[in-house]
Amino acid sequence: MKKTLNISILEVAILEMGRMKNGEPFHPLEVIKWIYPQDWSHFFKDLESETNRLINEGKVFVDSSERNLEIGKIRIYTKFKTT
């Protein structure tokens, strides 16, 4: 029997942006503006909870210079680096 994965579109998009940024920090808001360009503001709370979950799970990291963890102000990065 095949095991199915339950991965949210926001998780996939956040990790993909991290890959595209090649380890450089980015604002999570860039993600929802990228995948929902006209309706991004409706997904702010979803982005906030998904970003916090990924930070807690160690899948993304907060830029060390950030002191305030407001979703609209933090910058995150991944450890994926492409050559």
PDB file of N, CA and C in Angstrom:
ATOM      1  N   MET A   1       0.835  -1.174   0.000  1.00  0.00           N
ATOM      2  CA  MET A   1       0.000   0.000   0.000  1.00  0.00           C
ATOM      3  C   MET A   1       0.886   1.246   0.000  1.00  0.00           C
ATOM      4  N   LYS A   2       0.534   2.202  -0.832  1.00  0.00           N
ATOM      5  CA  LYS A   2       1.293   3.446  -0.920  1.00  0.00           C
ATOM      6  C   LYS A   2       0.934   4.374   0.215  1.00  0.00           C
ATOM      7  N   LYS A   3       1.943   5.039   0.761  1.00  0.00           N
ATOM      8  CA  LYS A   3       1.715   6.030   1.795  1.00  0.00           C
ATOM      9  C   LYS A   3       1.553   7.389   1.126  1.00  0.00           C
ATOM     10  N   THR A   4       0.513   8.114   1.486  1.00  0.00           N
ATOM     11  CA  THR A   4       0.295   9.432   0.908  1.00  0.00           C
ATOM     12  C   THR A   4       0.831  10.500   1.846  1.00  0.00           C
ATOM     13  N   LEU A   5       1.332  11.562   1.259  1.00  0.00           N
ATOM     14  CA  LEU A   5       1.836  12.686   2.027  1.00  0.00           C
ATOM     15  C   LEU A   5       0.792  13.784   2.051  1.00  0.00           C
ATOM     16  N   ASN A   6       0.681  14.437   3.163  1.00  0.00           N
ATOM     17  CA  ASN A   6      -0.256  15.548   3.296  1.00  0.00           C
ATOM     18  C   ASN A   6       0.570  16.820   3.478  1.00  0.00           C
ATOM     19  N   ILE A   7       0.946  17.452   2.381  1.00  0.00           N
ATOM     20  CA  ILE A   7       1.782  18.645   2.406  1.00  0.00           C
ATOM     21  C   ILE A   7       0.962  19.809   1.848  1.00  0.00           C
ATOM     22  N   SER A   8       0.959  20.914   2.576  1.00  0.00           N
ATOM     23  CA  SER A   8       0.169  22.063   2.129  1.00  0.00           C
ATOM     24  C   SER A   8       0.852  22.772   0.958  1.00  0.00           C
ATOM     25  N   ILE A   9       0.060  23.433   0.163  1.00  0.00           N
ATOM     26  CA  ILE A   9       0.601  24.200  -0.962  1.00  0.00           C
ATOM     27  C   ILE A   9       1.521  25.312  -0.467  1.00  0.00           C
ATOM     28  N   LEU A  10       1.218  25.880   0.695  1.00  0.00           N
ATOM     29  CA  LEU A  10       2.079  26.930   1.237  1.00  0.00           C
ATOM     30  C   LEU A  10       3.437  26.377   1.649  1.00  0.00           C
ATOM     31  N   GLU A  11       3.463  25.177   2.226  1.00  0.00           N
ATOM     32  CA  GLU A  11       4.752  24.570   2.572  1.00  0.00           C
ATOM     33  C   GLU A  11       5.590  24.354   1.315  1.00  0.00           C
ATOM     34  N   VAL A  12       4.968  23.797   0.294  1.00  0.00           N
ATOM     35  CA  VAL A  12       5.678  23.553  -0.961  1.00  0.00           C
ATOM     36  C   VAL A  12       6.190  24.874  -1.542  1.00  0.00           C
ATOM     37  N   ALA A  13       5.347  25.890  -1.540  1.00  0.00           N
ATOM     38  CA  ALA A  13       5.726  27.190  -2.112  1.00  0.00           C
ATOM     39  C   ALA A  13       6.847  27.854  -1.302  1.00  0.00           C
ATOM     40  N   ILE A  14       6.771  27.792   0.027  1.00  0.00           N
ATOM     41  CA  ILE A  14       7.819  28.384   0.866  1.00  0.00           C
ATOM     42  C   ILE A  14       9.150  27.683   0.618  1.00  0.00           C
ATOM     43  N   LEU A  15       9.131  26.360   0.601  1.00  0.00           N
ATOM     44  CA  LEU A  15      10.372  25.615   0.378  1.00  0.00           C
ATOM     45  C   LEU A  15      10.905  25.827  -1.043  1.00  0.00           C
ATOM     46  N   GLU A  16      10.012  25.933  -2.011  1.00  0.00           N
ATOM     47  CA  GLU A  16      10.439  26.187  -3.389  1.00  0.00           C
ATOM     48  C   GLU A  16      11.064  27.572  -3.512  1.00  0.00           C
ATOM     49  N   MET A  17      10.473  28.573  -2.878  1.00  0.00           N
ATOM     50  CA  MET A  17      11.073  29.904  -2.932  1.00  0.00           C
ATOM     51  C   MET A  17      12.442  29.891  -2.259  1.00  0.00           C
ATOM     52  N   GLY A  18      12.552  29.158  -1.161  1.00  0.00           N
ATOM     53  CA  GLY A  18      13.851  29.022  -0.509  1.00  0.00           C
ATOM     54  C   GLY A  18      14.887  28.406  -1.436  1.00  0.00           C
ATOM     55  N   ARG A  19      14.468  27.396  -2.211  1.00  0.00           N
ATOM     56  CA  ARG A  19      15.382  26.777  -3.177  1.00  0.00           C
ATOM     57  C   ARG A  19      15.759  27.779  -4.259  1.00  0.00           C
ATOM     58  N   MET A  20      14.767  28.515  -4.763  1.00  0.00           N
ATOM     59  CA  MET A  20      15.034  29.487  -5.822  1.00  0.00           C
ATOM     60  C   MET A  20      15.938  30.624  -5.335  1.00  0.00           C
ATOM     61  N   LYS A  21      15.806  30.983  -4.058  1.00  0.00           N
ATOM     62  CA  LYS A  21      16.627  32.064  -3.493  1.00  0.00           C
ATOM     63  C   LYS A  21      18.025  31.571  -3.118  1.00  0.00           C
ATOM     64  N   ASN A  22      18.260  30.270  -3.247  1.00  0.00           N
ATOM     65  CA  ASN A  22      19.579  29.681  -3.031  1.00  0.00           C
ATOM     66  C   ASN A  22      20.146  29.999  -1.639  1.00  0.00           C
ATOM     67  N   GLY A  23      19.272  29.911  -0.623  1.00  0.00           N
ATOM     68  CA  GLY A  23      19.719  30.126   0.742  1.00  0.00           C
ATOM     69  C   GLY A  23      19.702  31.567   1.209  1.00  0.00           C
ATOM     70  N   GLU A  24      19.347  32.498   0.322  1.00  0.00           N
ATOM     71  CA  GLU A  24      19.270  33.905   0.708  1.00  0.00           C
ATOM     72  C   GLU A  24      17.955  34.159   1.444  1.00  0.00           C
ATOM     73  N   PRO A  25      17.955  35.013   2.462  1.00  0.00           N
ATOM     74  CA  PRO A  25      16.720  35.314   3.196  1.00  0.00           C
ATOM     75  C   PRO A  25      15.674  35.999   2.314  1.00  0.00           C
ATOM     76  N   PHE A  26      14.412  35.727   2.603  1.00  0.00           N
ATOM     77  CA  PHE A  26      13.306  36.349   1.887  1.00  0.00           C
ATOM     78  C   PHE A  26      12.133  36.548   2.846  1.00  0.00           C
ATOM     79  N   HIS A  27      11.234  37.436   2.487  1.00  0.00           N
ATOM     80  CA  HIS A  27      10.035  37.690   3.281  1.00  0.00           C
ATOM     81  C   HIS A  27       8.976  36.651   2.925  1.00  0.00           C
ATOM     82  N   PRO A  28       8.343  36.034   3.908  1.00  0.00           N
ATOM     83  CA  PRO A  28       7.273  35.081   3.605  1.00  0.00           C
ATOM     84  C   PRO A  28       6.151  35.678   2.759  1.00  0.00           C
ATOM     85  N   LEU A  29       5.923  36.981   2.885  1.00  0.00           N
ATOM     86  CA  LEU A  29       4.875  37.616   2.074  1.00  0.00           C
ATOM     87  C   LEU A  29       5.159  37.485   0.582  1.00  0.00           C
ATOM     88  N   GLU A  30       6.431  37.373   0.215  1.00  0.00           N
ATOM     89  CA  GLU A  30       6.773  37.176  -1.200  1.00  0.00           C
ATOM     90  C   GLU A  30       6.110  35.911  -1.733  1.00  0.00           C
ATOM     91  N   VAL A  31       5.993  34.897  -0.871  1.00  0.00           N
ATOM     92  CA  VAL A  31       5.443  33.609  -1.284  1.00  0.00           C
ATOM     93  C   VAL A  31       3.970  33.742  -1.663  1.00  0.00           C
ATOM     94  N   ILE A  32       3.167  34.344  -0.775  1.00  0.00           N
ATOM     95  CA  ILE A  32       1.741  34.423  -1.113  1.00  0.00           C
ATOM     96  C   ILE A  32       1.474  35.426  -2.226  1.00  0.00           C
ATOM     97  N   LYS A  33       2.315  36.424  -2.351  1.00  0.00           N
ATOM     98  CA  LYS A  33       2.151  37.359  -3.472  1.00  0.00           C
ATOM     99  C   LYS A  33       2.521  36.679  -4.792  1.00  0.00           C
ATOM    100  N   TRP A  34       3.385  35.696  -4.726  1.00  0.00           N
ATOM    101  CA  TRP A  34       3.814  34.937  -5.903  1.00  0.00           C
ATOM    102  C   TRP A  34       2.722  33.961  -6.340  1.00  0.00           C
ATOM    103  N   ILE A  35       2.149  33.207  -5.371  1.00  0.00           N
ATOM    104  CA  ILE A  35       1.179  32.182  -5.771  1.00  0.00           C
ATOM    105  C   ILE A  35      -0.264  32.680  -5.811  1.00  0.00           C
ATOM    106  N   TYR A  36      -0.553  33.777  -5.108  1.00  0.00           N
ATOM    107  CA  TYR A  36      -1.899  34.375  -5.122  1.00  0.00           C
ATOM    108  C   TYR A  36      -1.768  35.876  -5.396  1.00  0.00           C
ATOM    109  N   PRO A  37      -1.324  36.284  -6.567  1.00  0.00           N
ATOM    110  CA  PRO A  37      -0.996  37.693  -6.803  1.00  0.00           C
ATOM    111  C   PRO A  37      -2.150  38.677  -6.596  1.00  0.00           C
ATOM    112  N   GLN A  38      -3.372  38.270  -6.835  1.00  0.00           N
ATOM    113  CA  GLN A  38      -4.492  39.200  -6.689  1.00  0.00           C
ATOM    114  C   GLN A  38      -5.179  39.090  -5.338  1.00  0.00           C
ATOM    115  N   ASP A  39      -5.135  37.932  -4.735  1.00  0.00           N
ATOM    116  CA  ASP A  39      -5.879  37.693  -3.500  1.00  0.00           C
ATOM    117  C   ASP A  39      -4.984  37.356  -2.314  1.00  0.00           C
ATOM    118  N   TRP A  40      -3.732  37.750  -2.365  1.00  0.00           N
ATOM    119  CA  TRP A  40      -2.767  37.330  -1.353  1.00  0.00           C
ATOM    120  C   TRP A  40      -3.172  37.714   0.065  1.00  0.00           C
ATOM    121  N   SER A  41      -3.834  38.850   0.246  1.00  0.00           N
ATOM    122  CA  SER A  41      -4.163  39.306   1.599  1.00  0.00           C
ATOM    123  C   SER A  41      -5.127  38.351   2.320  1.00  0.00           C
ATOM    124  N   HIS A  42      -5.883  37.580   1.572  1.00  0.00           N
ATOM    125  CA  HIS A  42      -6.819  36.623   2.166  1.00  0.00           C
ATOM    126  C   HIS A  42      -6.095  35.431   2.790  1.00  0.00           C
ATOM    127  N   PHE A  43      -4.823  35.237   2.456  1.00  0.00           N
ATOM    128  CA  PHE A  43      -4.076  34.072   2.917  1.00  0.00           C
ATOM    129  C   PHE A  43      -3.034  34.415   3.971  1.00  0.00           C
ATOM    130  N   PHE A  44      -3.084  35.629   4.502  1.00  0.00           N
ATOM    131  CA  PHE A  44      -2.084  36.091   5.456  1.00  0.00           C
ATOM    132  C   PHE A  44      -2.034  35.202   6.702  1.00  0.00           C
ATOM    133  N   LYS A  45      -3.189  34.901   7.305  1.00  0.00           N
ATOM    134  CA  LYS A  45      -3.231  34.060   8.520  1.00  0.00           C
ATOM    135  C   LYS A  45      -2.731  32.650   8.234  1.00  0.00           C
ATOM    136  N   ASP A  46      -3.077  32.103   7.063  1.00  0.00           N
ATOM    137  CA  ASP A  46      -2.587  30.775   6.686  1.00  0.00           C
ATOM    138  C   ASP A  46      -1.066  30.793   6.551  1.00  0.00           C
ATOM    139  N   LEU A  47      -0.554  31.843   5.933  1.00  0.00           N
ATOM    140  CA  LEU A  47       0.893  31.967   5.773  1.00  0.00           C
ATOM    141  C   LEU A  47       1.578  32.075   7.130  1.00  0.00           C
ATOM    142  N   GLU A  48       0.995  32.841   8.012  1.00  0.00           N
ATOM    143  CA  GLU A  48       1.568  33.015   9.350  1.00  0.00           C
ATOM    144  C   GLU A  48       1.667  31.678  10.085  1.00  0.00           C
ATOM    145  N   SER A  49       0.586  30.910  10.097  1.00  0.00           N
ATOM    146  CA  SER A  49       0.618  29.633  10.807  1.00  0.00           C
ATOM    147  C   SER A  49       1.549  28.634  10.131  1.00  0.00           C
ATOM    148  N   GLU A  50       1.562  28.606   8.804  1.00  0.00           N
ATOM    149  CA  GLU A  50       2.434  27.668   8.081  1.00  0.00           C
ATOM    150  C   GLU A  50       3.899  28.032   8.272  1.00  0.00           C
ATOM    151  N   THR A  51       4.229  29.310   8.236  1.00  0.00           N
ATOM    152  CA  THR A  51       5.611  29.740   8.440  1.00  0.00           C
ATOM    153  C   THR A  51       6.065  29.394   9.850  1.00  0.00           C
ATOM    154  N   ASN A  52       5.229  29.662  10.833  1.00  0.00           N
ATOM    155  CA  ASN A  52       5.584  29.321  12.214  1.00  0.00           C
ATOM    156  C   ASN A  52       5.780  27.824  12.392  1.00  0.00           C
ATOM    157  N   ARG A  53       4.937  27.029  11.746  1.00  0.00           N
ATOM    158  CA  ARG A  53       5.090  25.571  11.826  1.00  0.00           C
ATOM    159  C   ARG A  53       6.416  25.131  11.222  1.00  0.00           C
ATOM    160  N   LEU A  54       6.757  25.681  10.061  1.00  0.00           N
ATOM    161  CA  LEU A  54       8.010  25.304   9.399  1.00  0.00           C
ATOM    162  C   LEU A  54       9.230  25.747  10.206  1.00  0.00           C
ATOM    163  N   ILE A  55       9.128  26.891  10.865  1.00  0.00           N
ATOM    164  CA  ILE A  55      10.216  27.340  11.740  1.00  0.00           C
ATOM    165  C   ILE A  55      10.359  26.371  12.909  1.00  0.00           C
ATOM    166  N   ASN A  56       9.233  26.026  13.544  1.00  0.00           N
ATOM    167  CA  ASN A  56       9.268  25.106  14.686  1.00  0.00           C
ATOM    168  C   ASN A  56       9.773  23.722  14.312  1.00  0.00           C
ATOM    169  N   GLU A  57       9.504  23.276  13.090  1.00  0.00           N
ATOM    170  CA  GLU A  57       9.961  21.964  12.628  1.00  0.00           C
ATOM    171  C   GLU A  57      11.393  22.001  12.100  1.00  0.00           C
ATOM    172  N   GLY A  58      11.987  23.185  12.032  1.00  0.00           N
ATOM    173  CA  GLY A  58      13.366  23.304  11.558  1.00  0.00           C
ATOM    174  C   GLY A  58      13.514  23.184  10.046  1.00  0.00           C
ATOM    175  N   LYS A  59      12.435  23.411   9.301  1.00  0.00           N
ATOM    176  CA  LYS A  59      12.493  23.344   7.839  1.00  0.00           C
ATOM    177  C   LYS A  59      12.889  24.680   7.228  1.00  0.00           C
ATOM    178  N   VAL A  60      12.594  25.774   7.923  1.00  0.00           N
ATOM    179  CA  VAL A  60      13.056  27.104   7.526  1.00  0.00           C
ATOM    180  C   VAL A  60      13.606  27.786   8.771  1.00  0.00           C
ATOM    181  N   PHE A  61      14.397  28.806   8.562  1.00  0.00           N
ATOM    182  CA  PHE A  61      15.081  29.476   9.652  1.00  0.00           C
ATOM    183  C   PHE A  61      14.845  30.978   9.558  1.00  0.00           C
ATOM    184  N   VAL A  62      14.787  31.633  10.714  1.00  0.00           N
ATOM    185  CA  VAL A  62      14.614  33.075  10.754  1.00  0.00           C
ATOM    186  C   VAL A  62      15.980  33.713  10.615  1.00  0.00           C
ATOM    187  N   ASP A  63      16.065  34.741   9.765  1.00  0.00           N
ATOM    188  CA  ASP A  63      17.302  35.485   9.597  1.00  0.00           C
ATOM    189  C   ASP A  63      17.766  35.957  10.971  1.00  0.00           C
ATOM    190  N   SER A  64      19.019  35.724  11.303  1.00  0.00           N
ATOM    191  CA  SER A  64      19.530  35.989  12.653  1.00  0.00           C
ATOM    192  C   SER A  64      19.457  37.456  13.054  1.00  0.00           C
ATOM    193  N   SER A  65      19.345  38.353  12.097  1.00  0.00           N
ATOM    194  CA  SER A  65      19.269  39.773  12.421  1.00  0.00           C
ATOM    195  C   SER A  65      17.865  40.197  12.858  1.00  0.00           C
ATOM    196  N   GLU A  66      16.895  39.314  12.719  1.00  0.00           N
ATOM    197  CA  GLU A  66      15.508  39.653  13.051  1.00  0.00           C
ATOM    198  C   GLU A  66      15.275  39.540  14.554  1.00  0.00           C
ATOM    199  N   ARG A  67      14.664  40.549  15.122  1.00  0.00           N
ATOM    200  CA  ARG A  67      14.305  40.540  16.541  1.00  0.00           C
ATOM    201  C   ARG A  67      12.795  40.377  16.709  1.00  0.00           C
ATOM    202  N   ASN A  68      12.042  40.898  15.774  1.00  0.00           N
ATOM    203  CA  ASN A  68      10.596  40.882  15.835  1.00  0.00           C
ATOM    204  C   ASN A  68      10.088  39.764  14.928  1.00  0.00           C
ATOM    205  N   LEU A  69       9.270  38.870  15.456  1.00  0.00           N
ATOM    206  CA  LEU A  69       8.801  37.741  14.658  1.00  0.00           C
ATOM    207  C   LEU A  69       7.448  37.987  13.997  1.00  0.00           C
ATOM    208  N   GLU A  70       7.121  39.241  13.706  1.00  0.00           N
ATOM    209  CA  GLU A  70       5.897  39.531  12.961  1.00  0.00           C
ATOM    210  C   GLU A  70       6.062  39.021  11.539  1.00  0.00           C
ATOM    211  N   ILE A  71       5.060  38.306  11.065  1.00  0.00           N
ATOM    212  CA  ILE A  71       5.144  37.659   9.751  1.00  0.00           C
ATOM    213  C   ILE A  71       5.386  38.652   8.625  1.00  0.00           C
ATOM    214  N   GLY A  72       4.890  39.866   8.765  1.00  0.00           N
ATOM    215  CA  GLY A  72       5.083  40.861   7.727  1.00  0.00           C
ATOM    216  C   GLY A  72       6.470  41.484   7.734  1.00  0.00           C
ATOM    217  N   LYS A  73       7.257  41.198   8.771  1.00  0.00           N
ATOM    218  CA  LYS A  73       8.562  41.831   8.893  1.00  0.00           C
ATOM    219  C   LYS A  73       9.741  40.866   8.891  1.00  0.00           C
ATOM    220  N   ILE A  74       9.503  39.594   9.241  1.00  0.00           N
ATOM    221  CA  ILE A  74      10.632  38.663   9.321  1.00  0.00           C
ATOM    222  C   ILE A  74      11.129  38.272   7.938  1.00  0.00           C
ATOM    223  N   ARG A  75      12.344  37.806   7.924  1.00  0.00           N
ATOM    224  CA  ARG A  75      12.929  37.212   6.717  1.00  0.00           C
ATOM    225  C   ARG A  75      13.349  35.803   7.095  1.00  0.00           C
ATOM    226  N   ILE A  76      13.044  34.853   6.223  1.00  0.00           N
ATOM    227  CA  ILE A  76      13.373  33.457   6.490  1.00  0.00           C
ATOM    228  C   ILE A  76      14.281  32.941   5.385  1.00  0.00           C
ATOM    229  N   TYR A  77      14.898  31.797   5.630  1.00  0.00           N
ATOM    230  CA  TYR A  77      15.721  31.163   4.612  1.00  0.00           C
ATOM    231  C   TYR A  77      15.702  29.663   4.825  1.00  0.00           C
ATOM    232  N   THR A  78      16.134  28.941   3.821  1.00  0.00           N
ATOM    233  CA  THR A  78      16.253  27.488   3.920  1.00  0.00           C
ATOM    234  C   THR A  78      17.725  27.134   3.831  1.00  0.00           C
ATOM    235  N   LYS A  79      18.018  25.890   4.125  1.00  0.00           N
ATOM    236  CA  LYS A  79      19.398  25.412   4.023  1.00  0.00           C
ATOM    237  C   LYS A  79      19.682  24.779   2.665  1.00  0.00           C
ATOM    238  N   PHE A  80      18.693  24.814   1.754  1.00  0.00           N
ATOM    239  CA  PHE A  80      18.917  24.275   0.410  1.00  0.00           C
ATOM    240  C   PHE A  80      19.820  25.204  -0.345  1.00  0.00           C
ATOM    241  N   LYS A  81      20.899  24.695  -0.861  1.00  0.00           N
ATOM    242  CA  LYS A  81      21.765  25.517  -1.701  1.00  0.00           C
ATOM    243  C   LYS A  81      22.026  24.751  -2.978  1.00  0.00           C
ATOM    244  N   THR A  82      21.765  25.413  -4.083  1.00  0.00           N
ATOM    245  CA  THR A  82      22.047  24.794  -5.368  1.00  0.00           C
ATOM    246  C   THR A  82      23.338  25.390  -5.894  1.00  0.00           C
ATOM    247  N   THR A  83      23.980  24.661  -6.750  1.00  0.00           N
ATOM    248  CA  THR A  83      25.244  25.187  -7.313  1.00  0.00           C
ATOM    249  C   THR A  83      25.077  25.596  -8.739  1.00  0.00           C
TER     250      THR A  83
END
